[in-house]
Amino acid sequence: GQIIENSISKIENIEINGVSQRVVIRGWDKNNPVLLHLHGGPGNPDRPFIRRLNAHVEDLFTVIYWDQRGIGGSYHKDIEPHSISLVQIADDGIVISEYFKERFNKDKIYIQGHSWGTAVGITMAQKRPDLFHAYIGIGQMASSARSEKISYQYALEEAHKAHNEKDIKVLNDIGSPPYLEENWIENMLKQRQILWKYENPENPVEQSMFQIYMVYIMHPEYSIFDKIGMLKGAGLAMKYLWDDAMNIDFFKTVPNLDLPIYIIQGKYDKHTSTVVAKTYFDSLNAPLKQYFEFEKSAHAPHFEEYNRYKKILREEVLKLN
């Protein structure tokens, strides 16, 4: 209940490329390096989980949590849906980075993306490497076409191993991706819900989707309007960003990056395939790059093994600053 000297904890709306967008700024010491966190989804701000599971990163960085355009606290009913794109969100992220670099009087900041946020982060890093000390990718996207096929096949194989006839039937009915027909969102969600059960044999998921949504619903930093915006914005993101997400092939479009790169990947990640992410990392040209595979994690190693994650930030990433 005591305010830490020189700390910061603010919720703000900032005008970015003509759209009001929500940021939450938190840190124990405003003199620390600045880290912009890029959430996944697309359309799923993960701040409620970060604040619940590993908020202690805020003693290493001043962390900027940003609800991307049209999502969560940045949802507006009159937003132009077709402005919700990977290119536009990455451009928004560059504006935010420039703003907070100046506001906190820094030469550069750090960016960190998780899942979909890695697509945003890689795009930002390619366009403006001069803004960033380093890029940190967690659950790195690299080639969606390769990753989705691996994900589907794994779920089907695990369902057979478990003799779960219901899951086998669902997966056989929807077929292997890409899901391009009218009900592609429904099919993708069915596959993900089945994958969720089998993905990490070291740490099987015990929470239901309802329990996960309750974390959002009970999050004290979201007003009732923000929670409505989160639900509506998630639908917008799925509709307008999924093509961008599924067309990602950084092997072709981003073979080089002119800044230090840190990839943190769960051994069992089948949402963004670890095999594909590691292959991309090996092929990527960068002045400095490090790869960390977390042996007990799947798609969220910064939650599943957050002590090791924080240690890497402290002992490896911050050596640059």
C-alpha atoms as a PDB file:
ATOM      1  CA  GLY A   1       0.000   0.000   0.000  1.00  0.00           C
ATOM      2  CA  GLN A   2       3.024   2.319   0.041  1.00  0.00           C
ATOM      3  CA  ILE A   3       4.080   4.255  -3.051  1.00  0.00           C
ATOM      4  CA  ILE A   4       7.597   3.350  -4.158  1.00  0.00           C
ATOM      5  CA  GLU A   5       9.752   6.424  -4.670  1.00  0.00           C
ATOM      6  CA  ASN A   6      10.246   7.281  -8.379  1.00  0.00           C
ATOM      7  CA  SER A   7       7.817   4.525  -9.454  1.00  0.00           C
ATOM      8  CA  ILE A   8       5.086   4.943 -12.044  1.00  0.00           C
ATOM      9  CA  SER A   9       1.633   3.397 -12.479  1.00  0.00           C
ATOM     10  CA  LYS A  10      -0.642   5.094 -14.986  1.00  0.00           C
ATOM     11  CA  ILE A  11      -3.492   4.307 -17.350  1.00  0.00           C
ATOM     12  CA  GLU A  12      -3.541   6.651 -20.321  1.00  0.00           C
ATOM     13  CA  ASN A  13      -5.199   7.093 -23.699  1.00  0.00           C
ATOM     14  CA  ILE A  14      -2.854   8.391 -26.401  1.00  0.00           C
ATOM     15  CA  GLU A  15      -3.742   9.613 -29.884  1.00  0.00           C
ATOM     16  CA  ILE A  16      -1.797   7.395 -32.302  1.00  0.00           C
ATOM     17  CA  ASN A  17      -2.176   7.797 -36.058  1.00  0.00           C
ATOM     18  CA  GLY A  18      -5.595   9.349 -35.584  1.00  0.00           C
ATOM     19  CA  VAL A  19      -6.970   6.741 -33.151  1.00  0.00           C
ATOM     20  CA  SER A  20      -7.111   6.954 -29.351  1.00  0.00           C
ATOM     21  CA  GLN A  21      -5.284   3.938 -27.913  1.00  0.00           C
ATOM     22  CA  ARG A  22      -4.836   2.626 -24.385  1.00  0.00           C
ATOM     23  CA  VAL A  23      -1.508   2.197 -22.638  1.00  0.00           C
ATOM     24  CA  VAL A  24      -0.734   1.195 -19.070  1.00  0.00           C
ATOM     25  CA  ILE A  25       2.654   2.313 -17.783  1.00  0.00           C
ATOM     26  CA  ARG A  26       4.120   0.517 -14.774  1.00  0.00           C
ATOM     27  CA  GLY A  27       7.565   0.375 -13.227  1.00  0.00           C
ATOM     28  CA  TRP A  28       9.400   0.501  -9.927  1.00  0.00           C
ATOM     29  CA  ASP A  29      11.894   3.101 -11.127  1.00  0.00           C
ATOM     30  CA  LYS A  30      11.327   5.525 -14.007  1.00  0.00           C
ATOM     31  CA  ASN A  31      15.085   5.562 -14.625  1.00  0.00           C
ATOM     32  CA  ASN A  32      15.026   1.892 -15.679  1.00  0.00           C
ATOM     33  CA  PRO A  33      15.090   0.946 -19.380  1.00  0.00           C
ATOM     34  CA  VAL A  34      11.734   1.076 -21.175  1.00  0.00           C
ATOM     35  CA  LEU A  35      10.108  -2.114 -22.510  1.00  0.00           C
ATOM     36  CA  LEU A  36       7.139  -2.011 -24.894  1.00  0.00           C
ATOM     37  CA  HIS A  37       5.140  -5.249 -24.619  1.00  0.00           C
ATOM     38  CA  LEU A  38       3.274  -6.383 -27.746  1.00  0.00           C
ATOM     39  CA  HIS A  39       0.379  -8.685 -26.912  1.00  0.00           C
ATOM     40  CA  GLY A  40      -0.734 -11.720 -28.871  1.00  0.00           C
ATOM     41  CA  GLY A  41      -3.975 -13.028 -30.289  1.00  0.00           C
ATOM     42  CA  PRO A  42      -4.480 -11.341 -32.589  1.00  0.00           C
ATOM     43  CA  GLY A  43      -6.879  -9.473 -30.356  1.00  0.00           C
ATOM     44  CA  ASN A  44      -5.967 -10.802 -26.899  1.00  0.00           C
ATOM     45  CA  PRO A  45      -4.299  -8.299 -24.570  1.00  0.00           C
ATOM     46  CA  ASP A  46      -2.430 -10.404 -21.999  1.00  0.00           C
ATOM     47  CA  ARG A  47      -1.834  -7.680 -19.425  1.00  0.00           C
ATOM     48  CA  PRO A  48      -4.211  -9.316 -16.901  1.00  0.00           C
ATOM     49  CA  PHE A  49      -2.053 -12.465 -16.988  1.00  0.00           C
ATOM     50  CA  ILE A  50       1.257 -10.594 -16.869  1.00  0.00           C
ATOM     51  CA  ARG A  51       0.076  -8.531 -13.926  1.00  0.00           C
ATOM     52  CA  ARG A  52      -1.055 -11.733 -12.193  1.00  0.00           C
ATOM     53  CA  LEU A  53       1.857 -14.053 -13.020  1.00  0.00           C
ATOM     54  CA  ASN A  54       5.061 -12.125 -13.654  1.00  0.00           C
ATOM     55  CA  ALA A  55       4.584  -8.453 -12.860  1.00  0.00           C
ATOM     56  CA  HIS A  56       7.989  -8.471 -11.153  1.00  0.00           C
ATOM     57  CA  VAL A  57       9.524  -7.698 -14.555  1.00  0.00           C
ATOM     58  CA  GLU A  58       8.429  -4.177 -13.653  1.00  0.00           C
ATOM     59  CA  ASP A  59      11.413  -3.929 -11.280  1.00  0.00           C
ATOM     60  CA  LEU A  60      13.763  -4.335 -14.279  1.00  0.00           C
ATOM     61  CA  PHE A  61      11.937  -2.137 -16.804  1.00  0.00           C
ATOM     62  CA  THR A  62       9.384   0.582 -17.062  1.00  0.00           C
ATOM     63  CA  VAL A  63       6.849  -1.542 -18.942  1.00  0.00           C
ATOM     64  CA  ILE A  64       4.438  -0.115 -21.504  1.00  0.00           C
ATOM     65  CA  TYR A  65       1.405  -2.389 -21.901  1.00  0.00           C
ATOM     66  CA  TRP A  66      -0.413  -1.390 -25.077  1.00  0.00           C
ATOM     67  CA  ASP A  67      -3.870  -2.485 -26.212  1.00  0.00           C
ATOM     68  CA  GLN A  68      -3.438  -2.555 -29.989  1.00  0.00           C
ATOM     69  CA  ARG A  69      -5.778  -0.576 -32.228  1.00  0.00           C
ATOM     70  CA  GLY A  70      -9.412  -1.694 -32.031  1.00  0.00           C
ATOM     71  CA  ILE A  71      -8.783  -4.042 -29.093  1.00  0.00           C
ATOM     72  CA  GLY A  72      -9.530  -3.875 -25.346  1.00  0.00           C
ATOM     73  CA  GLY A  73      -9.147  -0.320 -24.080  1.00  0.00           C
ATOM     74  CA  SER A  74      -8.392   0.775 -27.664  1.00  0.00           C
ATOM     75  CA  TYR A  75     -11.728  -0.450 -29.035  1.00  0.00           C
ATOM     76  CA  HIS A  76     -14.044   2.187 -30.525  1.00  0.00           C
ATOM     77  CA  LYS A  77     -17.341   1.388 -32.165  1.00  0.00           C
ATOM     78  CA  ASP A  78     -16.637   3.841 -34.998  1.00  0.00           C
ATOM     79  CA  ILE A  79     -13.124   2.581 -35.805  1.00  0.00           C
ATOM     80  CA  GLU A  80     -12.567   1.800 -39.470  1.00  0.00           C
ATOM     81  CA  PRO A  81     -12.286  -2.026 -39.498  1.00  0.00           C
ATOM     82  CA  HIS A  82     -10.047  -2.095 -42.545  1.00  0.00           C
ATOM     83  CA  SER A  83      -7.490   0.039 -40.701  1.00  0.00           C
ATOM     84  CA  ILE A  84      -6.906  -2.993 -38.455  1.00  0.00           C
ATOM     85  CA  SER A  85      -3.942  -4.587 -40.209  1.00  0.00           C
ATOM     86  CA  LEU A  86      -0.443  -5.803 -39.369  1.00  0.00           C
ATOM     87  CA  VAL A  87       1.179  -2.915 -41.240  1.00  0.00           C
ATOM     88  CA  GLN A  88      -0.989  -0.317 -39.484  1.00  0.00           C
ATOM     89  CA  ILE A  89      -0.515  -1.824 -36.014  1.00  0.00           C
ATOM     90  CA  ALA A  90       3.259  -1.970 -36.545  1.00  0.00           C
ATOM     91  CA  ASP A  91       3.196   1.695 -37.620  1.00  0.00           C
ATOM     92  CA  ASP A  92       1.212   2.500 -34.448  1.00  0.00           C
ATOM     93  CA  GLY A  93       3.874   0.648 -32.446  1.00  0.00           C
ATOM     94  CA  ILE A  94       6.637   2.739 -33.985  1.00  0.00           C
ATOM     95  CA  VAL A  95       4.807   5.952 -33.048  1.00  0.00           C
ATOM     96  CA  ILE A  96       4.360   4.661 -29.476  1.00  0.00           C
ATOM     97  CA  SER A  97       8.055   3.726 -29.311  1.00  0.00           C
ATOM     98  CA  GLU A  98       9.140   7.174 -30.451  1.00  0.00           C
ATOM     99  CA  TYR A  99       6.784   8.812 -27.967  1.00  0.00           C
ATOM    100  CA  PHE A 100       8.003   6.880 -24.932  1.00  0.00           C
ATOM    101  CA  LYS A 101      11.643   7.124 -25.989  1.00  0.00           C
ATOM    102  CA  GLU A 102      11.301  10.900 -25.791  1.00  0.00           C
ATOM    103  CA  ARG A 103       9.057  10.915 -22.727  1.00  0.00           C
ATOM    104  CA  PHE A 104      11.517   8.897 -20.647  1.00  0.00           C
ATOM    105  CA  ASN A 105      14.572  10.512 -22.233  1.00  0.00           C
ATOM    106  CA  LYS A 106      16.008   7.285 -23.640  1.00  0.00           C
ATOM    107  CA  ASP A 107      18.250   6.792 -26.660  1.00  0.00           C
ATOM    108  CA  LYS A 108      16.400   3.536 -27.435  1.00  0.00           C
ATOM    109  CA  ILE A 109      13.817   1.218 -25.895  1.00  0.00           C
ATOM    110  CA  TYR A 110      13.264  -2.560 -25.888  1.00  0.00           C
ATOM    111  CA  ILE A 111      10.374  -4.330 -27.606  1.00  0.00           C
ATOM    112  CA  GLN A 112       8.959  -7.696 -26.622  1.00  0.00           C
ATOM    113  CA  GLY A 113       6.296  -9.620 -28.521  1.00  0.00           C
ATOM    114  CA  HIS A 114       4.355 -12.738 -27.615  1.00  0.00           C
ATOM    115  CA  SER A 115       2.709 -14.904 -30.303  1.00  0.00           C
ATOM    116  CA  TRP A 116       0.908 -12.492 -32.691  1.00  0.00           C
ATOM    117  CA  GLY A 117       2.923  -9.760 -30.969  1.00  0.00           C
ATOM    118  CA  THR A 118       6.063 -11.293 -32.476  1.00  0.00           C
ATOM    119  CA  ALA A 119       4.697 -10.537 -35.952  1.00  0.00           C
ATOM    120  CA  VAL A 120       4.133  -6.928 -34.904  1.00  0.00           C
ATOM    121  CA  GLY A 121       7.566  -6.767 -33.254  1.00  0.00           C
ATOM    122  CA  ILE A 122       9.489  -8.248 -36.180  1.00  0.00           C
ATOM    123  CA  THR A 123       7.734  -5.823 -38.547  1.00  0.00           C
ATOM    124  CA  MET A 124       8.611  -2.876 -36.306  1.00  0.00           C
ATOM    125  CA  ALA A 125      12.209  -4.033 -35.876  1.00  0.00           C
ATOM    126  CA  GLN A 126      12.685  -4.435 -39.615  1.00  0.00           C
ATOM    127  CA  LYS A 127      11.325  -0.955 -40.324  1.00  0.00           C
ATOM    128  CA  ARG A 128      13.005   0.987 -37.503  1.00  0.00           C
ATOM    129  CA  PRO A 129      15.892  -0.941 -35.891  1.00  0.00           C
ATOM    130  CA  ASP A 130      17.390   2.382 -34.771  1.00  0.00           C
ATOM    131  CA  LEU A 131      14.616   2.770 -32.157  1.00  0.00           C
ATOM    132  CA  PHE A 132      15.391  -0.411 -30.224  1.00  0.00           C
ATOM    133  CA  HIS A 133      18.139  -1.843 -28.043  1.00  0.00           C
ATOM    134  CA  ALA A 134      16.848  -5.320 -28.879  1.00  0.00           C
ATOM    135  CA  TYR A 135      13.863  -7.384 -29.932  1.00  0.00           C
ATOM    136  CA  ILE A 136      12.588 -10.198 -27.665  1.00  0.00           C
ATOM    137  CA  GLY A 137      10.307 -12.785 -29.263  1.00  0.00           C
ATOM    138  CA  ILE A 138       8.275 -15.207 -27.131  1.00  0.00           C
ATOM    139  CA  GLY A 139       6.431 -17.923 -29.056  1.00  0.00           C
ATOM    140  CA  GLN A 140       7.925 -16.619 -32.278  1.00  0.00           C
ATOM    141  CA  MET A 141       5.890 -16.630 -35.484  1.00  0.00           C
ATOM    142  CA  ALA A 142       7.945 -17.450 -38.595  1.00  0.00           C
ATOM    143  CA  SER A 143       5.899 -19.327 -41.224  1.00  0.00           C
ATOM    144  CA  SER A 144       2.229 -19.749 -40.427  1.00  0.00           C
ATOM    145  CA  ALA A 145       1.630 -22.256 -43.213  1.00  0.00           C
ATOM    146  CA  ARG A 146       4.286 -24.615 -41.840  1.00  0.00           C
ATOM    147  CA  SER A 147       3.343 -24.054 -38.213  1.00  0.00           C
ATOM    148  CA  GLU A 148      -0.406 -24.589 -38.622  1.00  0.00           C
ATOM    149  CA  LYS A 149       0.048 -27.925 -40.387  1.00  0.00           C
ATOM    150  CA  ILE A 150       2.399 -29.129 -37.633  1.00  0.00           C
ATOM    151  CA  SER A 151      -0.095 -27.947 -35.007  1.00  0.00           C
ATOM    152  CA  TYR A 152      -3.034 -29.774 -36.586  1.00  0.00           C
ATOM    153  CA  GLN A 153      -1.104 -33.012 -37.127  1.00  0.00           C
ATOM    154  CA  TYR A 154       0.163 -32.992 -33.553  1.00  0.00           C
ATOM    155  CA  ALA A 155      -3.346 -32.516 -32.125  1.00  0.00           C
ATOM    156  CA  LEU A 156      -4.660 -35.376 -34.266  1.00  0.00           C
ATOM    157  CA  GLU A 157      -1.824 -37.719 -33.250  1.00  0.00           C
ATOM    158  CA  GLU A 158      -2.295 -36.925 -29.560  1.00  0.00           C
ATOM    159  CA  ALA A 159      -6.045 -37.457 -29.799  1.00  0.00           C
ATOM    160  CA  HIS A 160      -5.367 -40.918 -31.281  1.00  0.00           C
ATOM    161  CA  LYS A 161      -2.903 -41.688 -28.481  1.00  0.00           C
ATOM    162  CA  ALA A 162      -5.536 -40.696 -25.927  1.00  0.00           C
ATOM    163  CA  HIS A 163      -8.192 -42.753 -27.757  1.00  0.00           C
ATOM    164  CA  ASN A 164     -10.403 -39.667 -27.666  1.00  0.00           C
ATOM    165  CA  GLU A 165     -12.898 -40.457 -30.417  1.00  0.00           C
ATOM    166  CA  LYS A 166     -14.707 -37.144 -29.997  1.00  0.00           C
ATOM    167  CA  ASP A 167     -11.548 -35.098 -30.620  1.00  0.00           C
ATOM    168  CA  ILE A 168     -10.542 -37.342 -33.529  1.00  0.00           C
ATOM    169  CA  LYS A 169     -13.928 -36.838 -35.180  1.00  0.00           C
ATOM    170  CA  VAL A 170     -13.810 -33.052 -34.738  1.00  0.00           C
ATOM    171  CA  LEU A 171     -10.330 -32.824 -36.246  1.00  0.00           C
ATOM    172  CA  ASN A 172     -11.182 -35.134 -39.121  1.00  0.00           C
ATOM    173  CA  ASP A 173     -14.332 -33.143 -39.837  1.00  0.00           C
ATOM    174  CA  ILE A 174     -12.565 -29.777 -40.034  1.00  0.00           C
ATOM    175  CA  GLY A 175      -9.549 -31.181 -41.886  1.00  0.00           C
ATOM    176  CA  SER A 176      -6.022 -29.871 -42.117  1.00  0.00           C
ATOM    177  CA  PRO A 177      -5.405 -26.108 -42.453  1.00  0.00           C
ATOM    178  CA  PRO A 178      -5.475 -23.639 -44.072  1.00  0.00           C
ATOM    179  CA  TYR A 179      -9.085 -22.902 -43.106  1.00  0.00           C
ATOM    180  CA  LEU A 180     -10.368 -20.718 -45.916  1.00  0.00           C
ATOM    181  CA  GLU A 181     -14.070 -21.552 -45.964  1.00  0.00           C
ATOM    182  CA  GLU A 182     -16.819 -19.444 -44.396  1.00  0.00           C
ATOM    183  CA  ASN A 183     -16.580 -21.064 -40.953  1.00  0.00           C
ATOM    184  CA  TRP A 184     -12.799 -20.860 -40.692  1.00  0.00           C
ATOM    185  CA  ILE A 185     -12.894 -19.058 -37.329  1.00  0.00           C
ATOM    186  CA  GLU A 186     -15.025 -21.816 -35.832  1.00  0.00           C
ATOM    187  CA  ASN A 187     -12.721 -24.516 -37.244  1.00  0.00           C
ATOM    188  CA  MET A 188      -9.565 -22.828 -36.028  1.00  0.00           C
ATOM    189  CA  LEU A 189     -10.990 -22.406 -32.527  1.00  0.00           C
ATOM    190  CA  LYS A 190     -12.039 -26.067 -32.430  1.00  0.00           C
ATOM    191  CA  GLN A 191      -8.499 -27.135 -33.318  1.00  0.00           C
ATOM    192  CA  ARG A 192      -6.982 -24.790 -30.707  1.00  0.00           C
ATOM    193  CA  GLN A 193      -9.283 -26.044 -27.946  1.00  0.00           C
ATOM    194  CA  ILE A 194      -8.217 -29.623 -28.643  1.00  0.00           C
ATOM    195  CA  LEU A 195      -4.541 -28.669 -28.956  1.00  0.00           C
ATOM    196  CA  TRP A 196      -4.783 -26.865 -25.611  1.00  0.00           C
ATOM    197  CA  LYS A 197      -5.400 -30.183 -23.827  1.00  0.00           C
ATOM    198  CA  TYR A 198      -2.449 -32.062 -25.310  1.00  0.00           C
ATOM    199  CA  GLU A 199       0.170 -29.390 -26.013  1.00  0.00           C
ATOM    200  CA  ASN A 200       2.338 -29.563 -22.891  1.00  0.00           C
ATOM    201  CA  PRO A 201       2.815 -33.026 -21.322  1.00  0.00           C
ATOM    202  CA  GLU A 202       5.060 -31.478 -18.655  1.00  0.00           C
ATOM    203  CA  ASN A 203       2.377 -29.099 -17.459  1.00  0.00           C
ATOM    204  CA  PRO A 204      -1.127 -30.039 -18.701  1.00  0.00           C
ATOM    205  CA  VAL A 205      -3.584 -27.159 -18.774  1.00  0.00           C
ATOM    206  CA  GLU A 206      -6.027 -27.396 -15.901  1.00  0.00           C
ATOM    207  CA  GLN A 207      -7.884 -24.129 -16.466  1.00  0.00           C
ATOM    208  CA  SER A 208     -11.041 -24.120 -18.549  1.00  0.00           C
ATOM    209  CA  MET A 209     -11.649 -21.400 -21.129  1.00  0.00           C
ATOM    210  CA  PHE A 210     -14.239 -19.976 -18.730  1.00  0.00           C
ATOM    211  CA  GLN A 211     -11.615 -19.653 -15.981  1.00  0.00           C
ATOM    212  CA  ILE A 212      -9.245 -17.950 -18.387  1.00  0.00           C
ATOM    213  CA  TYR A 213     -11.901 -15.456 -19.464  1.00  0.00           C
ATOM    214  CA  MET A 214     -12.641 -14.788 -15.802  1.00  0.00           C
ATOM    215  CA  VAL A 215      -9.091 -13.439 -15.404  1.00  0.00           C
ATOM    216  CA  TYR A 216     -10.026 -10.770 -17.927  1.00  0.00           C
ATOM    217  CA  ILE A 217     -13.453 -10.153 -16.459  1.00  0.00           C
ATOM    218  CA  MET A 218     -12.095  -9.662 -12.921  1.00  0.00           C
ATOM    219  CA  HIS A 219      -9.067  -7.589 -13.957  1.00  0.00           C
ATOM    220  CA  PRO A 220      -9.258  -4.328 -11.925  1.00  0.00           C
ATOM    221  CA  GLU A 221      -7.488  -2.222 -14.568  1.00  0.00           C
ATOM    222  CA  TYR A 222     -10.311  -2.828 -17.079  1.00  0.00           C
ATOM    223  CA  SER A 223     -13.561  -0.890 -16.786  1.00  0.00           C
ATOM    224  CA  ILE A 224     -16.821  -2.498 -17.860  1.00  0.00           C
ATOM    225  CA  PHE A 225     -16.478  -0.643 -21.178  1.00  0.00           C
ATOM    226  CA  ASP A 226     -12.944  -1.999 -21.626  1.00  0.00           C
ATOM    227  CA  LYS A 227     -14.198  -5.535 -21.039  1.00  0.00           C
ATOM    228  CA  ILE A 228     -16.914  -5.075 -23.647  1.00  0.00           C
ATOM    229  CA  GLY A 229     -14.273  -3.638 -25.959  1.00  0.00           C
ATOM    230  CA  MET A 230     -12.063  -6.642 -25.354  1.00  0.00           C
ATOM    231  CA  LEU A 231     -14.814  -9.020 -26.512  1.00  0.00           C
ATOM    232  CA  LYS A 232     -15.853  -6.931 -29.507  1.00  0.00           C
ATOM    233  CA  GLY A 233     -12.261  -6.111 -30.412  1.00  0.00           C
ATOM    234  CA  ALA A 234     -11.274  -9.772 -30.341  1.00  0.00           C
ATOM    235  CA  GLY A 235     -13.934 -10.463 -32.953  1.00  0.00           C
ATOM    236  CA  LEU A 236     -12.705  -7.586 -35.120  1.00  0.00           C
ATOM    237  CA  ALA A 237      -9.120  -8.774 -34.832  1.00  0.00           C
ATOM    238  CA  MET A 238      -9.980 -12.338 -35.807  1.00  0.00           C
ATOM    239  CA  LYS A 239     -11.924 -11.116 -38.823  1.00  0.00           C
ATOM    240  CA  TYR A 240      -9.452  -8.533 -40.115  1.00  0.00           C
ATOM    241  CA  LEU A 241      -6.050  -9.782 -38.920  1.00  0.00           C
ATOM    242  CA  TRP A 242      -6.247 -13.536 -39.445  1.00  0.00           C
ATOM    243  CA  ASP A 243      -5.290 -13.316 -43.121  1.00  0.00           C
ATOM    244  CA  ASP A 244      -2.252 -11.230 -42.159  1.00  0.00           C
ATOM    245  CA  ALA A 245      -1.373 -13.776 -39.485  1.00  0.00           C
ATOM    246  CA  MET A 246      -1.747 -16.775 -41.785  1.00  0.00           C
ATOM    247  CA  ASN A 247       0.266 -15.196 -44.609  1.00  0.00           C
ATOM    248  CA  ILE A 248       3.351 -14.593 -42.466  1.00  0.00           C
ATOM    249  CA  ASP A 249       6.538 -16.037 -43.927  1.00  0.00           C
ATOM    250  CA  PHE A 250       9.465 -14.246 -42.354  1.00  0.00           C
ATOM    251  CA  PHE A 251      11.872 -16.660 -44.038  1.00  0.00           C
ATOM    252  CA  LYS A 252      11.120 -14.719 -47.236  1.00  0.00           C
ATOM    253  CA  THR A 253      10.174 -11.254 -45.997  1.00  0.00           C
ATOM    254  CA  VAL A 254      12.558 -10.740 -43.051  1.00  0.00           C
ATOM    255  CA  PRO A 255      15.798 -12.667 -43.606  1.00  0.00           C
ATOM    256  CA  ASN A 256      17.865  -9.948 -41.887  1.00  0.00           C
ATOM    257  CA  LEU A 257      17.439  -7.699 -38.859  1.00  0.00           C
ATOM    258  CA  ASP A 258      19.844  -4.946 -37.887  1.00  0.00           C
ATOM    259  CA  LEU A 259      19.549  -5.232 -34.088  1.00  0.00           C
ATOM    260  CA  PRO A 260      20.103  -7.838 -31.341  1.00  0.00           C
ATOM    261  CA  ILE A 261      17.535 -10.640 -31.272  1.00  0.00           C
ATOM    262  CA  TYR A 262      16.462 -12.862 -28.356  1.00  0.00           C
ATOM    263  CA  ILE A 263      14.046 -15.725 -28.999  1.00  0.00           C
ATOM    264  CA  ILE A 264      12.364 -17.468 -26.046  1.00  0.00           C
ATOM    265  CA  GLN A 265      10.530 -20.600 -27.082  1.00  0.00           C
ATOM    266  CA  GLY A 266       8.701 -23.345 -25.198  1.00  0.00           C
ATOM    267  CA  LYS A 267       9.887 -26.841 -26.081  1.00  0.00           C
ATOM    268  CA  TYR A 268       6.289 -28.022 -26.579  1.00  0.00           C
ATOM    269  CA  ASP A 269       4.924 -24.962 -28.383  1.00  0.00           C
ATOM    270  CA  LYS A 270       2.575 -26.056 -31.167  1.00  0.00           C
ATOM    271  CA  HIS A 271       0.696 -22.756 -31.470  1.00  0.00           C
ATOM    272  CA  THR A 272       3.804 -21.209 -33.011  1.00  0.00           C
ATOM    273  CA  SER A 273       5.832 -24.302 -33.778  1.00  0.00           C
ATOM    274  CA  THR A 274       9.165 -24.461 -31.992  1.00  0.00           C
ATOM    275  CA  VAL A 275      10.648 -26.433 -34.884  1.00  0.00           C
ATOM    276  CA  VAL A 276       9.733 -23.652 -37.316  1.00  0.00           C
ATOM    277  CA  ALA A 277      10.802 -20.876 -34.922  1.00  0.00           C
ATOM    278  CA  LYS A 278      14.222 -22.459 -34.363  1.00  0.00           C
ATOM    279  CA  THR A 279      14.728 -22.995 -38.096  1.00  0.00           C
ATOM    280  CA  TYR A 280      13.931 -19.317 -38.685  1.00  0.00           C
ATOM    281  CA  PHE A 281      16.271 -18.230 -35.886  1.00  0.00           C
ATOM    282  CA  ASP A 282      19.101 -20.291 -37.400  1.00  0.00           C
ATOM    283  CA  SER A 283      18.549 -18.707 -40.815  1.00  0.00           C
ATOM    284  CA  LEU A 284      18.187 -15.130 -39.543  1.00  0.00           C
ATOM    285  CA  ASN A 285      21.067 -12.707 -39.999  1.00  0.00           C
ATOM    286  CA  ALA A 286      21.493 -10.310 -37.067  1.00  0.00           C
ATOM    287  CA  PRO A 287      24.413  -8.595 -35.322  1.00  0.00           C
ATOM    288  CA  LEU A 288      23.654 -10.561 -32.137  1.00  0.00           C
ATOM    289  CA  LYS A 289      21.145 -13.346 -31.615  1.00  0.00           C
ATOM    290  CA  GLN A 290      20.411 -15.783 -28.803  1.00  0.00           C
ATOM    291  CA  TYR A 291      17.921 -18.625 -28.603  1.00  0.00           C
ATOM    292  CA  PHE A 292      16.503 -19.991 -25.348  1.00  0.00           C
ATOM    293  CA  GLU A 293      14.361 -23.125 -25.285  1.00  0.00           C
ATOM    294  CA  PHE A 294      12.329 -23.689 -22.120  1.00  0.00           C
ATOM    295  CA  GLU A 295      12.139 -27.403 -21.366  1.00  0.00           C
ATOM    296  CA  LYS A 296       8.853 -27.393 -19.422  1.00  0.00           C
ATOM    297  CA  SER A 297       6.899 -24.835 -21.437  1.00  0.00           C
ATOM    298  CA  ALA A 298       4.606 -24.639 -24.435  1.00  0.00           C
ATOM    299  CA  HIS A 299       3.261 -21.394 -25.904  1.00  0.00           C
ATOM    300  CA  ALA A 300       3.744 -19.136 -22.869  1.00  0.00           C
ATOM    301  CA  PRO A 301       7.221 -19.737 -21.392  1.00  0.00           C
ATOM    302  CA  HIS A 302       7.206 -16.281 -19.780  1.00  0.00           C
ATOM    303  CA  PHE A 303       4.315 -17.541 -17.627  1.00  0.00           C
ATOM    304  CA  GLU A 304       5.124 -21.247 -17.397  1.00  0.00           C
ATOM    305  CA  GLU A 305       8.771 -20.719 -16.354  1.00  0.00           C
ATOM    306  CA  TYR A 306       8.746 -17.064 -15.416  1.00  0.00           C
ATOM    307  CA  ASN A 307      11.750 -17.245 -13.049  1.00  0.00           C
ATOM    308  CA  ARG A 308      14.009 -18.347 -15.899  1.00  0.00           C
ATOM    309  CA  TYR A 309      12.423 -15.790 -18.215  1.00  0.00           C
ATOM    310  CA  LYS A 310      13.179 -12.983 -15.784  1.00  0.00           C
ATOM    311  CA  LYS A 311      16.717 -14.254 -15.264  1.00  0.00           C
ATOM    312  CA  ILE A 312      17.344 -14.082 -19.030  1.00  0.00           C
ATOM    313  CA  LEU A 313      16.056 -10.516 -19.128  1.00  0.00           C
ATOM    314  CA  ARG A 314      18.229  -9.520 -16.193  1.00  0.00           C
ATOM    315  CA  GLU A 315      21.437 -11.372 -17.045  1.00  0.00           C
ATOM    316  CA  GLU A 316      21.412 -11.420 -20.861  1.00  0.00           C
ATOM    317  CA  VAL A 317      19.136  -8.784 -22.376  1.00  0.00           C
ATOM    318  CA  LEU A 318      19.983  -5.951 -19.989  1.00  0.00           C
ATOM    319  CA  LYS A 319      23.700  -6.404 -20.586  1.00  0.00           C
ATOM    320  CA  LEU A 320      23.087  -4.345 -23.721  1.00  0.00           C
ATOM    321  CA  ASN A 321      22.016  -1.313 -21.653  1.00  0.00           C
END
